[in-house]
């Protein structure tokens, strides 16, 4: 993923299911512009179960997580190396 072709969304604070609709809209908007998405989780302090599942479902070719808190790592499966 080329950084010049990516939109970085920095998330902060508590992440709950209530905010997932807006995050989904932002991701979709970037994808509609043919941009990949980088989600920076360095400022996230707490993630509910629905949000963790959402983040896990988003990871892939066009969405990358960076600065993922250690407590969240076990909930987010990482792609296997080829």
N, C-alpha and C. Protein backbone atom coordinates (compact mmCIF):
# COMPACT_ATOMS: atom_id res chain seq x y z
N UNK A 1 0.86 -1.18 0.00
CA UNK A 1 0.00 0.00 0.00
C UNK A 1 0.89 1.23 0.00
N UNK A 2 0.80 2.02 -1.00
CA UNK A 2 1.58 3.25 -1.13
C UNK A 2 0.94 4.33 -0.26
N UNK A 3 1.75 4.97 0.60
CA UNK A 3 1.23 5.99 1.52
C UNK A 3 0.57 7.15 0.78
N UNK A 4 1.04 7.46 -0.43
CA UNK A 4 0.45 8.57 -1.18
C UNK A 4 -0.94 8.21 -1.70
N UNK A 5 -1.26 6.93 -1.72
CA UNK A 5 -2.56 6.49 -2.18
C UNK A 5 -3.47 6.12 -1.01
N UNK A 6 -3.09 6.51 0.20
CA UNK A 6 -3.84 6.12 1.39
C UNK A 6 -4.36 7.34 2.14
N UNK A 7 -5.48 7.13 2.79
CA UNK A 7 -6.04 8.11 3.70
C UNK A 7 -5.82 7.57 5.10
N UNK A 8 -5.23 8.38 5.99
CA UNK A 8 -5.02 7.95 7.36
C UNK A 8 -6.11 8.53 8.24
N UNK A 9 -6.79 7.65 8.96
CA UNK A 9 -7.80 8.06 9.93
C UNK A 9 -7.26 7.73 11.31
N UNK A 10 -7.09 8.75 12.14
CA UNK A 10 -6.57 8.56 13.48
C UNK A 10 -7.74 8.51 14.45
N UNK A 11 -7.85 7.41 15.17
CA UNK A 11 -8.92 7.22 16.14
C UNK A 11 -8.38 7.50 17.53
N UNK A 12 -9.23 8.05 18.39
CA UNK A 12 -8.79 8.40 19.74
C UNK A 12 -9.90 8.14 20.74
N UNK A 13 -9.49 7.82 21.96
CA UNK A 13 -10.45 7.64 23.05
C UNK A 13 -11.10 6.27 23.03
N UNK A 14 -12.32 6.23 23.53
CA UNK A 14 -13.09 4.99 23.61
C UNK A 14 -13.80 4.75 22.29
N UNK A 15 -13.69 3.54 21.80
CA UNK A 15 -14.32 3.18 20.53
C UNK A 15 -15.50 2.26 20.84
N UNK A 16 -16.70 2.72 20.48
CA UNK A 16 -17.89 1.91 20.73
C UNK A 16 -18.68 1.73 19.45
N UNK A 17 -19.62 0.80 19.49
CA UNK A 17 -20.45 0.49 18.33
C UNK A 17 -21.18 1.73 17.82
N UNK A 18 -21.45 2.70 18.69
CA UNK A 18 -22.17 3.92 18.28
C UNK A 18 -21.44 4.71 17.21
N UNK A 19 -20.13 4.61 17.16
CA UNK A 19 -19.34 5.40 16.21
C UNK A 19 -19.01 4.65 14.94
N UNK A 20 -19.37 3.39 14.86
CA UNK A 20 -18.97 2.58 13.71
C UNK A 20 -19.60 3.03 12.40
N UNK A 21 -20.80 3.56 12.46
CA UNK A 21 -21.46 4.05 11.24
C UNK A 21 -20.65 5.15 10.58
N UNK A 22 -20.21 6.11 11.37
CA UNK A 22 -19.41 7.22 10.83
C UNK A 22 -18.06 6.72 10.33
N UNK A 23 -17.43 5.82 11.06
CA UNK A 23 -16.15 5.27 10.61
C UNK A 23 -16.34 4.52 9.30
N UNK A 24 -17.39 3.75 9.18
CA UNK A 24 -17.69 3.03 7.94
C UNK A 24 -17.88 4.02 6.78
N UNK A 25 -18.58 5.13 7.03
CA UNK A 25 -18.77 6.14 5.98
C UNK A 25 -17.44 6.73 5.53
N UNK A 26 -16.54 7.01 6.47
CA UNK A 26 -15.23 7.57 6.13
C UNK A 26 -14.40 6.58 5.31
N UNK A 27 -14.44 5.32 5.69
CA UNK A 27 -13.71 4.29 4.95
C UNK A 27 -14.29 4.16 3.54
N UNK A 28 -15.61 4.11 3.44
CA UNK A 28 -16.26 4.00 2.12
C UNK A 28 -15.94 5.21 1.25
N UNK A 29 -15.92 6.40 1.84
CA UNK A 29 -15.61 7.62 1.09
C UNK A 29 -14.20 7.54 0.51
N UNK A 30 -13.25 7.09 1.32
CA UNK A 30 -11.87 6.94 0.83
C UNK A 30 -11.80 5.91 -0.29
N UNK A 31 -12.49 4.80 -0.11
CA UNK A 31 -12.49 3.76 -1.14
C UNK A 31 -13.14 4.26 -2.43
N UNK A 32 -14.19 5.08 -2.31
CA UNK A 32 -14.83 5.64 -3.50
C UNK A 32 -13.88 6.56 -4.27
N UNK A 33 -12.89 7.10 -3.59
CA UNK A 33 -11.87 7.94 -4.22
C UNK A 33 -10.65 7.11 -4.65
N UNK A 34 -10.82 5.78 -4.61
CA UNK A 34 -9.75 4.84 -4.97
C UNK A 34 -8.55 4.96 -4.04
N UNK A 35 -8.80 5.27 -2.80
CA UNK A 35 -7.74 5.37 -1.80
C UNK A 35 -7.84 4.18 -0.85
N UNK A 36 -6.70 3.69 -0.41
CA UNK A 36 -6.69 2.71 0.65
C UNK A 36 -6.77 3.48 1.98
N UNK A 37 -6.96 2.77 3.07
CA UNK A 37 -7.17 3.42 4.37
C UNK A 37 -6.18 2.86 5.38
N UNK A 38 -5.59 3.76 6.16
CA UNK A 38 -4.76 3.40 7.30
C UNK A 38 -5.50 3.89 8.54
N UNK A 39 -5.79 2.96 9.44
CA UNK A 39 -6.42 3.34 10.71
C UNK A 39 -5.34 3.37 11.78
N UNK A 40 -5.06 4.56 12.30
CA UNK A 40 -4.06 4.74 13.36
C UNK A 40 -4.77 4.63 14.70
N UNK A 41 -4.44 3.59 15.45
CA UNK A 41 -5.11 3.32 16.72
C UNK A 41 -4.27 3.73 17.93
N UNK A 42 -3.25 4.56 17.73
CA UNK A 42 -2.32 4.90 18.81
C UNK A 42 -2.99 5.62 19.98
N UNK A 43 -4.07 6.32 19.74
CA UNK A 43 -4.73 7.08 20.80
C UNK A 43 -6.00 6.41 21.32
N UNK A 44 -6.26 5.17 20.90
CA UNK A 44 -7.46 4.45 21.34
C UNK A 44 -7.19 3.89 22.73
N UNK A 45 -8.10 4.15 23.67
CA UNK A 45 -7.92 3.69 25.05
C UNK A 45 -8.77 2.49 25.40
N UNK A 46 -9.91 2.33 24.74
CA UNK A 46 -10.82 1.23 25.04
C UNK A 46 -11.63 0.91 23.80
N UNK A 47 -11.84 -0.38 23.55
CA UNK A 47 -12.59 -0.83 22.38
C UNK A 47 -13.61 -1.86 22.84
N UNK A 48 -14.88 -1.66 22.48
CA UNK A 48 -15.89 -2.66 22.85
C UNK A 48 -15.83 -3.83 21.86
N UNK A 49 -16.55 -4.89 22.17
CA UNK A 49 -16.50 -6.11 21.37
C UNK A 49 -16.92 -5.86 19.91
N UNK A 50 -18.00 -5.11 19.71
CA UNK A 50 -18.47 -4.84 18.34
C UNK A 50 -17.42 -4.08 17.54
N UNK A 51 -16.75 -3.15 18.18
CA UNK A 51 -15.71 -2.37 17.49
C UNK A 51 -14.51 -3.25 17.15
N UNK A 52 -14.13 -4.14 18.06
CA UNK A 52 -13.01 -5.05 17.79
C UNK A 52 -13.36 -5.96 16.61
N UNK A 53 -14.58 -6.45 16.58
CA UNK A 53 -15.02 -7.29 15.46
C UNK A 53 -15.02 -6.49 14.16
N UNK A 54 -15.47 -5.25 14.23
CA UNK A 54 -15.48 -4.38 13.05
C UNK A 54 -14.06 -4.18 12.53
N UNK A 55 -13.12 -3.86 13.43
CA UNK A 55 -11.73 -3.64 13.02
C UNK A 55 -11.14 -4.91 12.40
N UNK A 56 -11.43 -6.06 13.00
CA UNK A 56 -10.93 -7.32 12.46
C UNK A 56 -11.47 -7.56 11.06
N UNK A 57 -12.74 -7.24 10.85
CA UNK A 57 -13.36 -7.44 9.54
C UNK A 57 -12.81 -6.47 8.49
N UNK A 58 -12.33 -5.32 8.92
CA UNK A 58 -11.83 -4.30 7.98
C UNK A 58 -10.43 -4.58 7.49
N UNK A 59 -9.64 -5.28 8.27
CA UNK A 59 -8.24 -5.48 7.89
C UNK A 59 -8.17 -6.30 6.61
N UNK A 60 -7.37 -5.84 5.73
CA UNK A 60 -7.22 -6.52 4.45
C UNK A 60 -6.40 -5.69 3.51
N UNK A 61 -6.61 -5.92 2.24
CA UNK A 61 -5.81 -5.27 1.22
C UNK A 61 -5.96 -3.75 1.22
N UNK A 62 -7.15 -3.24 1.49
CA UNK A 62 -7.38 -1.80 1.38
C UNK A 62 -7.51 -1.09 2.71
N UNK A 63 -7.42 -1.82 3.83
CA UNK A 63 -7.45 -1.20 5.15
C UNK A 63 -6.34 -1.83 5.98
N UNK A 64 -5.51 -0.96 6.56
CA UNK A 64 -4.39 -1.42 7.39
C UNK A 64 -4.47 -0.74 8.74
N UNK A 65 -4.21 -1.49 9.79
CA UNK A 65 -4.18 -0.94 11.15
C UNK A 65 -2.73 -0.68 11.53
N UNK A 66 -2.49 0.49 12.13
CA UNK A 66 -1.16 0.78 12.65
C UNK A 66 -1.29 1.22 14.11
N UNK A 67 -0.21 1.06 14.84
CA UNK A 67 -0.15 1.47 16.25
C UNK A 67 -1.29 0.85 17.05
N UNK A 68 -1.54 -0.43 16.79
CA UNK A 68 -2.62 -1.14 17.46
C UNK A 68 -2.21 -1.41 18.92
N UNK A 69 -3.05 -1.02 19.90
CA UNK A 69 -2.72 -1.29 21.30
C UNK A 69 -2.55 -2.79 21.55
N UNK A 70 -1.64 -3.11 22.44
CA UNK A 70 -1.32 -4.52 22.73
C UNK A 70 -2.56 -5.32 23.15
N UNK A 71 -3.42 -4.73 23.97
CA UNK A 71 -4.60 -5.46 24.43
C UNK A 71 -5.55 -5.82 23.28
N UNK A 72 -5.46 -5.09 22.19
CA UNK A 72 -6.34 -5.32 21.06
C UNK A 72 -5.75 -6.31 20.06
N UNK A 73 -4.44 -6.49 20.09
CA UNK A 73 -3.76 -7.36 19.13
C UNK A 73 -4.36 -8.76 19.07
N UNK A 74 -4.72 -9.34 20.22
CA UNK A 74 -5.22 -10.71 20.21
C UNK A 74 -6.61 -10.83 19.59
N UNK A 75 -7.32 -9.72 19.45
CA UNK A 75 -8.66 -9.74 18.86
C UNK A 75 -8.63 -9.51 17.36
N UNK A 76 -7.50 -9.03 16.86
CA UNK A 76 -7.39 -8.67 15.45
C UNK A 76 -6.45 -9.67 14.77
N UNK A 77 -7.00 -10.61 14.00
CA UNK A 77 -6.12 -11.56 13.31
C UNK A 77 -5.31 -10.84 12.23
N UNK A 78 -4.05 -11.19 12.14
CA UNK A 78 -3.16 -10.61 11.13
C UNK A 78 -3.06 -11.56 9.95
N UNK A 79 -2.97 -10.99 8.74
CA UNK A 79 -2.81 -11.87 7.57
C UNK A 79 -1.54 -12.69 7.68
N UNK A 80 -1.60 -13.93 7.21
CA UNK A 80 -0.43 -14.80 7.24
C UNK A 80 0.53 -14.40 6.13
N UNK A 81 1.80 -14.59 6.41
CA UNK A 81 2.82 -14.31 5.38
C UNK A 81 2.76 -15.42 4.33
N UNK A 82 2.97 -15.09 3.05
CA UNK A 82 2.91 -16.11 1.99
C UNK A 82 4.05 -17.10 2.08
